[in-house]
Amino acid sequence: MSRLVEVVKSLLPDPGKGRAPTRDQLIEALRTVYDPEIPVNIYDLGLIYRLEVDDHGRVEIDMTLTAPACPVAGTLPHEVGRVIDAVPGVEDTVVHLVWTPAWSKERMSEEAQLQLGLL
């Protein structure tokens, strides 16, 4: 088990067998994943377009990258899936890499924009 997965599991309470995680728990896990080129987590960077979890712990995510030629296109969605799979109560995770709409800095949280000196 990777160190990141261990950290995610230690941060989140176990919802109990058969209980799906909350959206907030999933967001907290996503905030542990960082874009390797920008020192901001992928959630606050605005790379997560859709996050859904059903009552059975099945999670579906639509995410994008800052640019189609991003060098982590082949690895970052897999890392997102691994981190979400580590959240107690998650039974299955599907991560879709999407390009529409194109990412822009307006998708970033205010906190991320402040962190990068854009505000």
PDB file of N, CA and C in Angstrom:
ATOM      1  N   MET A   1       0.856  -1.172   0.000  1.00  0.00           N
ATOM      2  CA  MET A   1       0.000   0.000   0.000  1.00  0.00           C
ATOM      3  C   MET A   1       0.902   1.235   0.000  1.00  0.00           C
ATOM      4  N   SER A   2       0.604   2.193  -0.888  1.00  0.00           N
ATOM      5  CA  SER A   2       1.443   3.384  -0.966  1.00  0.00           C
ATOM      6  C   SER A   2       1.235   4.278   0.254  1.00  0.00           C
ATOM      7  N   ARG A   3       2.196   5.110   0.497  1.00  0.00           N
ATOM      8  CA  ARG A   3       2.123   6.040   1.634  1.00  0.00           C
ATOM      9  C   ARG A   3       0.909   6.955   1.504  1.00  0.00           C
ATOM     10  N   LEU A   4       0.607   7.436   0.288  1.00  0.00           N
ATOM     11  CA  LEU A   4      -0.541   8.316   0.082  1.00  0.00           C
ATOM     12  C   LEU A   4      -1.835   7.611   0.451  1.00  0.00           C
ATOM     13  N   VAL A   5      -1.981   6.360   0.058  1.00  0.00           N
ATOM     14  CA  VAL A   5      -3.193   5.604   0.393  1.00  0.00           C
ATOM     15  C   VAL A   5      -3.294   5.424   1.903  1.00  0.00           C
ATOM     16  N   GLU A   6      -2.178   5.136   2.580  1.00  0.00           N
ATOM     17  CA  GLU A   6      -2.185   5.002   4.037  1.00  0.00           C
ATOM     18  C   GLU A   6      -2.621   6.309   4.699  1.00  0.00           C
ATOM     19  N   VAL A   7      -2.138   7.439   4.194  1.00  0.00           N
ATOM     20  CA  VAL A   7      -2.502   8.742   4.751  1.00  0.00           C
ATOM     21  C   VAL A   7      -3.995   8.985   4.572  1.00  0.00           C
ATOM     22  N   VAL A   8      -4.521   8.705   3.389  1.00  0.00           N
ATOM     23  CA  VAL A   8      -5.955   8.905   3.131  1.00  0.00           C
ATOM     24  C   VAL A   8      -6.774   8.073   4.103  1.00  0.00           C
ATOM     25  N   LYS A   9      -6.416   6.801   4.275  1.00  0.00           N
ATOM     26  CA  LYS A   9      -7.177   5.933   5.187  1.00  0.00           C
ATOM     27  C   LYS A   9      -7.114   6.434   6.624  1.00  0.00           C
ATOM     28  N   SER A  10      -5.976   6.999   7.019  1.00  0.00           N
ATOM     29  CA  SER A  10      -5.855   7.473   8.396  1.00  0.00           C
ATOM     30  C   SER A  10      -6.638   8.762   8.630  1.00  0.00           C
ATOM     31  N   LEU A  11      -6.884   9.536   7.597  1.00  0.00           N
ATOM     32  CA  LEU A  11      -7.599  10.809   7.739  1.00  0.00           C
ATOM     33  C   LEU A  11      -9.104  10.641   7.819  1.00  0.00           C
ATOM     34  N   LEU A  12      -9.605   9.582   7.241  1.00  0.00           N
ATOM     35  CA  LEU A  12     -11.048   9.446   7.087  1.00  0.00           C
ATOM     36  C   LEU A  12     -11.621   8.424   8.058  1.00  0.00           C
ATOM     37  N   PRO A  13     -12.733   8.766   8.704  1.00  0.00           N
ATOM     38  CA  PRO A  13     -13.370   7.780   9.574  1.00  0.00           C
ATOM     39  C   PRO A  13     -13.951   6.646   8.735  1.00  0.00           C
ATOM     40  N   ASP A  14     -13.925   5.451   9.277  1.00  0.00           N
ATOM     41  CA  ASP A  14     -14.504   4.307   8.592  1.00  0.00           C
ATOM     42  C   ASP A  14     -16.017   4.391   8.740  1.00  0.00           C
ATOM     43  N   PRO A  15     -16.753   4.511   7.620  1.00  0.00           N
ATOM     44  CA  PRO A  15     -18.206   4.638   7.724  1.00  0.00           C
ATOM     45  C   PRO A  15     -18.883   3.336   8.146  1.00  0.00           C
ATOM     46  N   GLY A  16     -18.127   2.269   8.253  1.00  0.00           N
ATOM     47  CA  GLY A  16     -18.715   0.993   8.631  1.00  0.00           C
ATOM     48  C   GLY A  16     -19.002   0.151   7.415  1.00  0.00           C
ATOM     49  N   LYS A  17     -18.969  -1.135   7.600  1.00  0.00           N
ATOM     50  CA  LYS A  17     -19.182  -2.047   6.473  1.00  0.00           C
ATOM     51  C   LYS A  17     -20.553  -1.800   5.858  1.00  0.00           C
ATOM     52  N   GLY A  18     -20.562  -1.692   4.547  1.00  0.00           N
ATOM     53  CA  GLY A  18     -21.811  -1.519   3.834  1.00  0.00           C
ATOM     54  C   GLY A  18     -22.297  -0.088   3.745  1.00  0.00           C
ATOM     55  N   ARG A  19     -21.601   0.844   4.366  1.00  0.00           N
ATOM     56  CA  ARG A  19     -22.016   2.245   4.295  1.00  0.00           C
ATOM     57  C   ARG A  19     -21.144   2.978   3.294  1.00  0.00           C
ATOM     58  N   ALA A  20     -21.766   3.665   2.384  1.00  0.00           N
ATOM     59  CA  ALA A  20     -21.043   4.433   1.376  1.00  0.00           C
ATOM     60  C   ALA A  20     -20.418   5.664   2.023  1.00  0.00           C
ATOM     61  N   PRO A  21     -19.279   6.098   1.515  1.00  0.00           N
ATOM     62  CA  PRO A  21     -18.663   7.311   2.043  1.00  0.00           C
ATOM     63  C   PRO A  21     -19.475   8.534   1.638  1.00  0.00           C
ATOM     64  N   THR A  22     -19.286   9.606   2.355  1.00  0.00           N
ATOM     65  CA  THR A  22     -19.956  10.862   2.007  1.00  0.00           C
ATOM     66  C   THR A  22     -19.168  11.575   0.911  1.00  0.00           C
ATOM     67  N   ARG A  23     -19.809  12.487   0.273  1.00  0.00           N
ATOM     68  CA  ARG A  23     -19.148  13.322  -0.736  1.00  0.00           C
ATOM     69  C   ARG A  23     -17.986  14.087  -0.088  1.00  0.00           C
ATOM     70  N   ASP A  24     -18.200  14.588   1.125  1.00  0.00           N
ATOM     71  CA  ASP A  24     -17.141  15.324   1.821  1.00  0.00           C
ATOM     72  C   ASP A  24     -15.915  14.452   2.074  1.00  0.00           C
ATOM     73  N   GLN A  25     -16.117  13.183   2.401  1.00  0.00           N
ATOM     74  CA  GLN A  25     -14.983  12.282   2.596  1.00  0.00           C
ATOM     75  C   GLN A  25     -14.205  12.087   1.295  1.00  0.00           C
ATOM     76  N   LEU A  26     -14.932  11.981   0.197  1.00  0.00           N
ATOM     77  CA  LEU A  26     -14.276  11.807  -1.095  1.00  0.00           C
ATOM     78  C   LEU A  26     -13.498  13.060  -1.481  1.00  0.00           C
ATOM     79  N   ILE A  27     -14.071  14.228  -1.218  1.00  0.00           N
ATOM     80  CA  ILE A  27     -13.379  15.490  -1.518  1.00  0.00           C
ATOM     81  C   ILE A  27     -12.118  15.601  -0.666  1.00  0.00           C
ATOM     82  N   GLU A  28     -12.214  15.222   0.592  1.00  0.00           N
ATOM     83  CA  GLU A  28     -11.040  15.266   1.461  1.00  0.00           C
ATOM     84  C   GLU A  28      -9.926  14.371   0.898  1.00  0.00           C
ATOM     85  N   ALA A  29     -10.298  13.205   0.396  1.00  0.00           N
ATOM     86  CA  ALA A  29      -9.308  12.315  -0.212  1.00  0.00           C
ATOM     87  C   ALA A  29      -8.723  12.929  -1.476  1.00  0.00           C
ATOM     88  N   LEU A  30      -9.577  13.535  -2.319  1.00  0.00           N
ATOM     89  CA  LEU A  30      -9.089  14.168  -3.541  1.00  0.00           C
ATOM     90  C   LEU A  30      -8.115  15.301  -3.239  1.00  0.00           C
ATOM     91  N   ARG A  31      -8.302  15.954  -2.120  1.00  0.00           N
ATOM     92  CA  ARG A  31      -7.407  17.062  -1.748  1.00  0.00           C
ATOM     93  C   ARG A  31      -6.020  16.586  -1.317  1.00  0.00           C
ATOM     94  N   THR A  32      -5.803  15.277  -1.275  1.00  0.00           N
ATOM     95  CA  THR A  32      -4.464  14.754  -0.978  1.00  0.00           C
ATOM     96  C   THR A  32      -3.661  14.511  -2.254  1.00  0.00           C
ATOM     97  N   VAL A  33      -4.308  14.677  -3.410  1.00  0.00           N
ATOM     98  CA  VAL A  33      -3.649  14.455  -4.700  1.00  0.00           C
ATOM     99  C   VAL A  33      -3.290  15.810  -5.298  1.00  0.00           C
ATOM    100  N   TYR A  34      -2.021  15.959  -5.659  1.00  0.00           N
ATOM    101  CA  TYR A  34      -1.534  17.234  -6.194  1.00  0.00           C
ATOM    102  C   TYR A  34      -1.103  17.093  -7.642  1.00  0.00           C
ATOM    103  N   ASP A  35      -1.342  18.144  -8.403  1.00  0.00           N
ATOM    104  CA  ASP A  35      -0.793  18.236  -9.740  1.00  0.00           C
ATOM    105  C   ASP A  35       0.719  18.352  -9.568  1.00  0.00           C
ATOM    106  N   PRO A  36       1.508  17.514 -10.231  1.00  0.00           N
ATOM    107  CA  PRO A  36       2.952  17.546 -10.005  1.00  0.00           C
ATOM    108  C   PRO A  36       3.641  18.826 -10.480  1.00  0.00           C
ATOM    109  N   GLU A  37       2.974  19.590 -11.333  1.00  0.00           N
ATOM    110  CA  GLU A  37       3.595  20.810 -11.851  1.00  0.00           C
ATOM    111  C   GLU A  37       3.103  22.070 -11.152  1.00  0.00           C
ATOM    112  N   ILE A  38       1.991  21.961 -10.424  1.00  0.00           N
ATOM    113  CA  ILE A  38       1.394  23.116  -9.750  1.00  0.00           C
ATOM    114  C   ILE A  38       1.165  22.714  -8.293  1.00  0.00           C
ATOM    115  N   PRO A  39       1.657  23.480  -7.338  1.00  0.00           N
ATOM    116  CA  PRO A  39       1.562  23.060  -5.926  1.00  0.00           C
ATOM    117  C   PRO A  39       0.175  23.278  -5.310  1.00  0.00           C
ATOM    118  N   VAL A  40      -0.851  22.765  -5.993  1.00  0.00           N
ATOM    119  CA  VAL A  40      -2.230  22.882  -5.530  1.00  0.00           C
ATOM    120  C   VAL A  40      -2.885  21.523  -5.734  1.00  0.00           C
ATOM    121  N   ASN A  41      -3.744  21.128  -4.795  1.00  0.00           N
ATOM    122  CA  ASN A  41      -4.418  19.842  -4.955  1.00  0.00           C
ATOM    123  C   ASN A  41      -5.390  19.891  -6.134  1.00  0.00           C
ATOM    124  N   ILE A  42      -5.690  18.728  -6.683  1.00  0.00           N
ATOM    125  CA  ILE A  42      -6.484  18.673  -7.910  1.00  0.00           C
ATOM    126  C   ILE A  42      -7.919  19.129  -7.722  1.00  0.00           C
ATOM    127  N   TYR A  43      -8.461  18.993  -6.513  1.00  0.00           N
ATOM    128  CA  TYR A  43      -9.831  19.435  -6.290  1.00  0.00           C
ATOM    129  C   TYR A  43      -9.916  20.964  -6.328  1.00  0.00           C
ATOM    130  N   ASP A  44      -9.043  21.631  -5.576  1.00  0.00           N
ATOM    131  CA  ASP A  44      -9.060  23.094  -5.558  1.00  0.00           C
ATOM    132  C   ASP A  44      -8.543  23.694  -6.862  1.00  0.00           C
ATOM    133  N   LEU A  45      -7.759  22.922  -7.590  1.00  0.00           N
ATOM    134  CA  LEU A  45      -7.289  23.367  -8.902  1.00  0.00           C
ATOM    135  C   LEU A  45      -8.435  23.364  -9.916  1.00  0.00           C
ATOM    136  N   GLY A  46      -9.513  22.667  -9.593  1.00  0.00           N
ATOM    137  CA  GLY A  46     -10.683  22.635 -10.475  1.00  0.00           C
ATOM    138  C   GLY A  46     -10.623  21.539 -11.515  1.00  0.00           C
ATOM    139  N   LEU A  47      -9.827  20.510 -11.271  1.00  0.00           N
ATOM    140  CA  LEU A  47      -9.704  19.422 -12.239  1.00  0.00           C
ATOM    141  C   LEU A  47     -10.823  18.391 -12.121  1.00  0.00           C
ATOM    142  N   ILE A  48     -11.568  18.423 -11.021  1.00  0.00           N
ATOM    143  CA  ILE A  48     -12.679  17.483 -10.834  1.00  0.00           C
ATOM    144  C   ILE A  48     -13.963  18.158 -11.312  1.00  0.00           C
ATOM    145  N   TYR A  49     -14.523  17.636 -12.377  1.00  0.00           N
ATOM    146  CA  TYR A  49     -15.737  18.201 -12.959  1.00  0.00           C
ATOM    147  C   TYR A  49     -17.006  17.570 -12.381  1.00  0.00           C
ATOM    148  N   ARG A  50     -16.937  16.288 -12.065  1.00  0.00           N
ATOM    149  CA  ARG A  50     -18.123  15.586 -11.548  1.00  0.00           C
ATOM    150  C   ARG A  50     -17.656  14.538 -10.552  1.00  0.00           C
ATOM    151  N   LEU A  51     -18.371  14.456  -9.443  1.00  0.00           N
ATOM    152  CA  LEU A  51     -18.077  13.480  -8.396  1.00  0.00           C
ATOM    153  C   LEU A  51     -19.406  12.947  -7.887  1.00  0.00           C
ATOM    154  N   GLU A  52     -19.662  11.663  -8.127  1.00  0.00           N
ATOM    155  CA  GLU A  52     -20.914  11.062  -7.689  1.00  0.00           C
ATOM    156  C   GLU A  52     -20.618   9.778  -6.933  1.00  0.00           C
ATOM    157  N   VAL A  53     -21.384   9.535  -5.893  1.00  0.00           N
ATOM    158  CA  VAL A  53     -21.292   8.286  -5.147  1.00  0.00           C
ATOM    159  C   VAL A  53     -22.710   7.790  -4.899  1.00  0.00           C
ATOM    160  N   ASP A  54     -22.918   6.495  -5.125  1.00  0.00           N
ATOM    161  CA  ASP A  54     -24.258   5.953  -4.859  1.00  0.00           C
ATOM    162  C   ASP A  54     -24.282   5.286  -3.485  1.00  0.00           C
ATOM    163  N   ASP A  55     -25.443   4.777  -3.105  1.00  0.00           N
ATOM    164  CA  ASP A  55     -25.633   4.173  -1.781  1.00  0.00           C
ATOM    165  C   ASP A  55     -24.832   2.885  -1.580  1.00  0.00           C
ATOM    166  N   HIS A  56     -24.299   2.335  -2.653  1.00  0.00           N
ATOM    167  CA  HIS A  56     -23.540   1.086  -2.579  1.00  0.00           C
ATOM    168  C   HIS A  56     -22.030   1.327  -2.599  1.00  0.00           C
ATOM    169  N   GLY A  57     -21.621   2.591  -2.564  1.00  0.00           N
ATOM    170  CA  GLY A  57     -20.195   2.906  -2.537  1.00  0.00           C
ATOM    171  C   GLY A  57     -19.531   2.919  -3.894  1.00  0.00           C
ATOM    172  N   ARG A  58     -20.317   2.997  -4.946  1.00  0.00           N
ATOM    173  CA  ARG A  58     -19.748   3.107  -6.289  1.00  0.00           C
ATOM    174  C   ARG A  58     -19.543   4.586  -6.601  1.00  0.00           C
ATOM    175  N   VAL A  59     -18.313   4.931  -6.980  1.00  0.00           N
ATOM    176  CA  VAL A  59     -17.936   6.323  -7.207  1.00  0.00           C
ATOM    177  C   VAL A  59     -17.617   6.513  -8.684  1.00  0.00           C
ATOM    178  N   GLU A  60     -18.110   7.609  -9.230  1.00  0.00           N
ATOM    179  CA  GLU A  60     -17.797   7.954 -10.611  1.00  0.00           C
ATOM    180  C   GLU A  60     -17.299   9.396 -10.633  1.00  0.00           C
ATOM    181  N   ILE A  61     -16.184   9.592 -11.319  1.00  0.00           N
ATOM    182  CA  ILE A  61     -15.529  10.906 -11.368  1.00  0.00           C
ATOM    183  C   ILE A  61     -15.243  11.274 -12.809  1.00  0.00           C
ATOM    184  N   ASP A  62     -15.567  12.504 -13.172  1.00  0.00           N
ATOM    185  CA  ASP A  62     -15.094  13.102 -14.419  1.00  0.00           C
ATOM    186  C   ASP A  62     -14.041  14.107 -14.022  1.00  0.00           C
ATOM    187  N   MET A  63     -12.866  13.974 -14.608  1.00  0.00           N
ATOM    188  CA  MET A  63     -11.797  14.922 -14.308  1.00  0.00           C
ATOM    189  C   MET A  63     -11.120  15.331 -15.604  1.00  0.00           C
ATOM    190  N   THR A  64     -10.406  16.429 -15.520  1.00  0.00           N
ATOM    191  CA  THR A  64      -9.651  16.904 -16.665  1.00  0.00           C
ATOM    192  C   THR A  64      -8.237  17.200 -16.204  1.00  0.00           C
ATOM    193  N   LEU A  65      -7.442  17.702 -17.095  1.00  0.00           N
ATOM    194  CA  LEU A  65      -6.082  18.140 -16.794  1.00  0.00           C
ATOM    195  C   LEU A  65      -5.943  19.572 -17.282  1.00  0.00           C
ATOM    196  N   THR A  66      -4.898  20.230 -16.857  1.00  0.00           N
ATOM    197  CA  THR A  66      -4.740  21.641 -17.222  1.00  0.00           C
ATOM    198  C   THR A  66      -4.499  21.826 -18.713  1.00  0.00           C
ATOM    199  N   ALA A  67      -4.000  20.790 -19.395  1.00  0.00           N
ATOM    200  CA  ALA A  67      -3.769  20.858 -20.840  1.00  0.00           C
ATOM    201  C   ALA A  67      -3.800  19.445 -21.412  1.00  0.00           C
ATOM    202  N   PRO A  68      -4.283  19.281 -22.635  1.00  0.00           N
ATOM    203  CA  PRO A  68      -4.327  17.943 -23.234  1.00  0.00           C
ATOM    204  C   PRO A  68      -2.953  17.269 -23.339  1.00  0.00           C
ATOM    205  N   ALA A  69      -1.910  18.034 -23.478  1.00  0.00           N
ATOM    206  CA  ALA A  69      -0.561  17.458 -23.594  1.00  0.00           C
ATOM    207  C   ALA A  69       0.122  17.295 -22.239  1.00  0.00           C
ATOM    208  N   CYS A  70      -0.647  17.380 -21.163  1.00  0.00           N
ATOM    209  CA  CYS A  70      -0.094  17.255 -19.816  1.00  0.00           C
ATOM    210  C   CYS A  70       0.642  15.924 -19.685  1.00  0.00           C
ATOM    211  N   PRO A  71       1.868  15.947 -19.170  1.00  0.00           N
ATOM    212  CA  PRO A  71       2.646  14.711 -19.086  1.00  0.00           C
ATOM    213  C   PRO A  71       2.086  13.663 -18.114  1.00  0.00           C
ATOM    214  N   VAL A  72       1.160  14.023 -17.242  1.00  0.00           N
ATOM    215  CA  VAL A  72       0.597  13.053 -16.295  1.00  0.00           C
ATOM    216  C   VAL A  72      -0.751  12.502 -16.759  1.00  0.00           C
ATOM    217  N   ALA A  73      -1.099  12.723 -18.012  1.00  0.00           N
ATOM    218  CA  ALA A  73      -2.387  12.252 -18.529  1.00  0.00           C
ATOM    219  C   ALA A  73      -2.556  10.745 -18.355  1.00  0.00           C
ATOM    220  N   GLY A  74      -1.478  10.007 -18.436  1.00  0.00           N
ATOM    221  CA  GLY A  74      -1.569   8.564 -18.306  1.00  0.00           C
ATOM    222  C   GLY A  74      -1.518   8.058 -16.878  1.00  0.00           C
ATOM    223  N   THR A  75      -1.114   8.916 -15.929  1.00  0.00           N
ATOM    224  CA  THR A  75      -0.944   8.444 -14.558  1.00  0.00           C
ATOM    225  C   THR A  75      -1.864   9.107 -13.532  1.00  0.00           C
ATOM    226  N   LEU A  76      -2.186  10.366 -13.705  1.00  0.00           N
ATOM    227  CA  LEU A  76      -2.964  11.069 -12.679  1.00  0.00           C
ATOM    228  C   LEU A  76      -4.369  10.485 -12.500  1.00  0.00           C
ATOM    229  N   PRO A  77      -5.113  10.164 -13.556  1.00  0.00           N
ATOM    230  CA  PRO A  77      -6.426   9.548 -13.334  1.00  0.00           C
ATOM    231  C   PRO A  77      -6.323   8.224 -12.566  1.00  0.00           C
ATOM    232  N   HIS A  78      -5.293   7.449 -12.838  1.00  0.00           N
ATOM    233  CA  HIS A  78      -5.079   6.196 -12.099  1.00  0.00           C
ATOM    234  C   HIS A  78      -4.816   6.489 -10.622  1.00  0.00           C
ATOM    235  N   GLU A  79      -4.010   7.501 -10.338  1.00  0.00           N
ATOM    236  CA  GLU A  79      -3.725   7.874  -8.945  1.00  0.00           C
ATOM    237  C   GLU A  79      -4.998   8.326  -8.234  1.00  0.00           C
ATOM    238  N   VAL A  80      -5.840   9.076  -8.925  1.00  0.00           N
ATOM    239  CA  VAL A  80      -7.127   9.502  -8.354  1.00  0.00           C
ATOM    240  C   VAL A  80      -7.960   8.268  -8.001  1.00  0.00           C
ATOM    241  N   GLY A  81      -8.018   7.311  -8.902  1.00  0.00           N
ATOM    242  CA  GLY A  81      -8.770   6.084  -8.632  1.00  0.00           C
ATOM    243  C   GLY A  81      -8.230   5.320  -7.429  1.00  0.00           C
ATOM    244  N   ARG A  82      -6.910   5.232  -7.302  1.00  0.00           N
ATOM    245  CA  ARG A  82      -6.306   4.538  -6.167  1.00  0.00           C
ATOM    246  C   ARG A  82      -6.640   5.220  -4.845  1.00  0.00           C
ATOM    247  N   VAL A  83      -6.577   6.546  -4.841  1.00  0.00           N
ATOM    248  CA  VAL A  83      -6.859   7.286  -3.606  1.00  0.00           C
ATOM    249  C   VAL A  83      -8.330   7.144  -3.218  1.00  0.00           C
ATOM    250  N   ILE A  84      -9.222   7.235  -4.183  1.00  0.00           N
ATOM    251  CA  ILE A  84     -10.648   7.094  -3.884  1.00  0.00           C
ATOM    252  C   ILE A  84     -10.964   5.665  -3.447  1.00  0.00           C
ATOM    253  N   ASP A  85     -10.356   4.681  -4.091  1.00  0.00           N
ATOM    254  CA  ASP A  85     -10.569   3.281  -3.687  1.00  0.00           C
ATOM    255  C   ASP A  85     -10.151   3.039  -2.237  1.00  0.00           C
ATOM    256  N   ALA A  86      -9.220   3.836  -1.725  1.00  0.00           N
ATOM    257  CA  ALA A  86      -8.729   3.671  -0.355  1.00  0.00           C
ATOM    258  C   ALA A  86      -9.685   4.234   0.696  1.00  0.00           C
ATOM    259  N   VAL A  87     -10.668   5.017   0.278  1.00  0.00           N
ATOM    260  CA  VAL A  87     -11.624   5.597   1.229  1.00  0.00           C
ATOM    261  C   VAL A  87     -12.541   4.482   1.735  1.00  0.00           C
ATOM    262  N   PRO A  88     -12.660   4.330   3.049  1.00  0.00           N
ATOM    263  CA  PRO A  88     -13.543   3.291   3.594  1.00  0.00           C
ATOM    264  C   PRO A  88     -14.969   3.435   3.063  1.00  0.00           C
ATOM    265  N   GLY A  89     -15.529   2.314   2.637  1.00  0.00           N
ATOM    266  CA  GLY A  89     -16.893   2.308   2.118  1.00  0.00           C
ATOM    267  C   GLY A  89     -16.970   2.354   0.603  1.00  0.00           C
ATOM    268  N   VAL A  90     -15.866   2.677  -0.074  1.00  0.00           N
ATOM    269  CA  VAL A  90     -15.871   2.694  -1.539  1.00  0.00           C
ATOM    270  C   VAL A  90     -15.760   1.261  -2.034  1.00  0.00           C
ATOM    271  N   GLU A  91     -16.687   0.875  -2.895  1.00  0.00           N
ATOM    272  CA  GLU A  91     -16.694  -0.470  -3.467  1.00  0.00           C
ATOM    273  C   GLU A  91     -16.098  -0.500  -4.869  1.00  0.00           C
ATOM    274  N   ASP A  92     -16.243   0.579  -5.613  1.00  0.00           N
ATOM    275  CA  ASP A  92     -15.751   0.621  -6.988  1.00  0.00           C
ATOM    276  C   ASP A  92     -15.584   2.076  -7.386  1.00  0.00           C
ATOM    277  N   THR A  93     -14.557   2.342  -8.172  1.00  0.00           N
ATOM    278  CA  THR A  93     -14.303   3.701  -8.639  1.00  0.00           C
ATOM    279  C   THR A  93     -14.061   3.676 -10.141  1.00  0.00           C
ATOM    280  N   VAL A  94     -14.718   4.604 -10.838  1.00  0.00           N
ATOM    281  CA  VAL A  94     -14.485   4.794 -12.267  1.00  0.00           C
ATOM    282  C   VAL A  94     -14.111   6.252 -12.463  1.00  0.00           C
ATOM    283  N   VAL A  95     -12.949   6.471 -13.078  1.00  0.00           N
ATOM    284  CA  VAL A  95     -12.472   7.828 -13.353  1.00  0.00           C
ATOM    285  C   VAL A  95     -12.451   8.022 -14.862  1.00  0.00           C
ATOM    286  N   HIS A  96     -13.174   9.047 -15.319  1.00  0.00           N
ATOM    287  CA  HIS A  96     -13.200   9.394 -16.739  1.00  0.00           C
ATOM    288  C   HIS A  96     -12.348  10.645 -16.938  1.00  0.00           C
ATOM    289  N   LEU A  97     -11.448  10.601 -17.891  1.00  0.00           N
ATOM    290  CA  LEU A  97     -10.674  11.785 -18.264  1.00  0.00           C
ATOM    291  C   LEU A  97     -11.425  12.477 -19.386  1.00  0.00           C
ATOM    292  N   VAL A  98     -11.854  13.711 -19.135  1.00  0.00           N
ATOM    293  CA  VAL A  98     -12.658  14.466 -20.106  1.00  0.00           C
ATOM    294  C   VAL A  98     -11.931  15.758 -20.487  1.00  0.00           C
ATOM    295  N   TRP A  99     -12.280  16.287 -21.633  1.00  0.00           N
ATOM    296  CA  TRP A  99     -11.619  17.512 -22.112  1.00  0.00           C
ATOM    297  C   TRP A  99     -12.606  18.642 -22.364  1.00  0.00           C
ATOM    298  N   THR A 100     -13.889  18.366 -22.163  1.00  0.00           N
ATOM    299  CA  THR A 100     -14.903  19.387 -22.400  1.00  0.00           C
ATOM    300  C   THR A 100     -15.698  19.590 -21.127  1.00  0.00           C
ATOM    301  N   PRO A 101     -15.829  20.798 -20.638  1.00  0.00           N
ATOM    302  CA  PRO A 101     -15.202  22.007 -21.175  1.00  0.00           C
ATOM    303  C   PRO A 101     -13.712  22.043 -20.853  1.00  0.00           C
ATOM    304  N   ALA A 102     -12.991  22.807 -21.617  1.00  0.00           N
ATOM    305  CA  ALA A 102     -11.551  22.940 -21.377  1.00  0.00           C
ATOM    306  C   ALA A 102     -11.325  23.589 -20.011  1.00  0.00           C
ATOM    307  N   TRP A 103     -10.285  23.139 -19.314  1.00  0.00           N
ATOM    308  CA  TRP A 103      -9.950  23.704 -18.019  1.00  0.00           C
ATOM    309  C   TRP A 103      -9.465  25.147 -18.201  1.00  0.00           C
ATOM    310  N   SER A 104      -9.797  25.995 -17.228  1.00  0.00           N
ATOM    311  CA  SER A 104      -9.265  27.363 -17.187  1.00  0.00           C
ATOM    312  C   SER A 104      -9.081  27.741 -15.719  1.00  0.00           C
ATOM    313  N   LYS A 105      -8.302  28.758 -15.474  1.00  0.00           N
ATOM    314  CA  LYS A 105      -8.011  29.147 -14.088  1.00  0.00           C
ATOM    315  C   LYS A 105      -9.262  29.595 -13.340  1.00  0.00           C
ATOM    316  N   GLU A 106     -10.327  29.934 -14.035  1.00  0.00           N
ATOM    317  CA  GLU A 106     -11.574  30.322 -13.392  1.00  0.00           C
ATOM    318  C   GLU A 106     -12.203  29.144 -12.641  1.00  0.00           C
ATOM    319  N   ARG A 107     -11.809  27.927 -12.951  1.00  0.00           N
ATOM    320  CA  ARG A 107     -12.333  26.737 -12.275  1.00  0.00           C
ATOM    321  C   ARG A 107     -11.684  26.537 -10.910  1.00  0.00           C
ATOM    322  N   MET A 108     -10.589  27.233 -10.654  1.00  0.00           N
ATOM    323  CA  MET A 108      -9.857  27.086  -9.401  1.00  0.00           C
ATOM    324  C   MET A 108     -10.631  27.719  -8.256  1.00  0.00           C
ATOM    325  N   SER A 109     -10.478  27.144  -7.070  1.00  0.00           N
ATOM    326  CA  SER A 109     -11.081  27.745  -5.883  1.00  0.00           C
ATOM    327  C   SER A 109     -10.363  29.062  -5.592  1.00  0.00           C
ATOM    328  N   GLU A 110     -11.035  29.918  -4.849  1.00  0.00           N
ATOM    329  CA  GLU A 110     -10.425  31.193  -4.479  1.00  0.00           C
ATOM    330  C   GLU A 110      -9.141  30.963  -3.672  1.00  0.00           C
ATOM    331  N   GLU A 111      -9.170  29.965  -2.803  1.00  0.00           N
ATOM    332  CA  GLU A 111      -7.995  29.633  -1.999  1.00  0.00           C
ATOM    333  C   GLU A 111      -6.810  29.261  -2.896  1.00  0.00           C
ATOM    334  N   ALA A 112      -7.065  28.461  -3.934  1.00  0.00           N
ATOM    335  CA  ALA A 112      -5.996  28.057  -4.854  1.00  0.00           C
ATOM    336  C   ALA A 112      -5.465  29.262  -5.626  1.00  0.00           C
ATOM    337  N   GLN A 113      -6.362  30.131  -6.048  1.00  0.00           N
ATOM    338  CA  GLN A 113      -5.935  31.325  -6.775  1.00  0.00           C
ATOM    339  C   GLN A 113      -5.072  32.212  -5.889  1.00  0.00           C
ATOM    340  N   LEU A 114      -5.464  32.343  -4.625  1.00  0.00           N
ATOM    341  CA  LEU A 114      -4.658  33.119  -3.683  1.00  0.00           C
ATOM    342  C   LEU A 114      -3.287  32.475  -3.466  1.00  0.00           C
ATOM    343  N   GLN A 115      -3.281  31.160  -3.329  1.00  0.00           N
ATOM    344  CA  GLN A 115      -2.044  30.417  -3.104  1.00  0.00           C
ATOM    345  C   GLN A 115      -1.058  30.624  -4.264  1.00  0.00           C
ATOM    346  N   LEU A 116      -1.574  30.737  -5.476  1.00  0.00           N
ATOM    347  CA  LEU A 116      -0.730  30.905  -6.652  1.00  0.00           C
ATOM    348  C   LEU A 116      -0.521  32.365  -7.039  1.00  0.00           C
ATOM    349  N   GLY A 117      -1.053  33.281  -6.226  1.00  0.00           N
ATOM    350  CA  GLY A 117      -0.879  34.712  -6.491  1.00  0.00           C
ATOM    351  C   GLY A 117      -1.671  35.226  -7.681  1.00  0.00           C
ATOM    352  N   LEU A 118      -2.798  34.584  -7.973  1.00  0.00           N
ATOM    353  CA  LEU A 118      -3.619  35.004  -9.107  1.00  0.00           C
ATOM    354  C   LEU A 118      -4.717  35.985  -8.709  1.00  0.00           C
ATOM    355  N   LEU A 119      -4.887  36.221  -7.417  1.00  0.00           N
ATOM    356  CA  LEU A 119      -5.888  37.195  -6.934  1.00  0.00           C
ATOM    357  C   LEU A 119      -5.194  38.317  -6.206  1.00  0.00           C
TER     358      LEU A 119
END
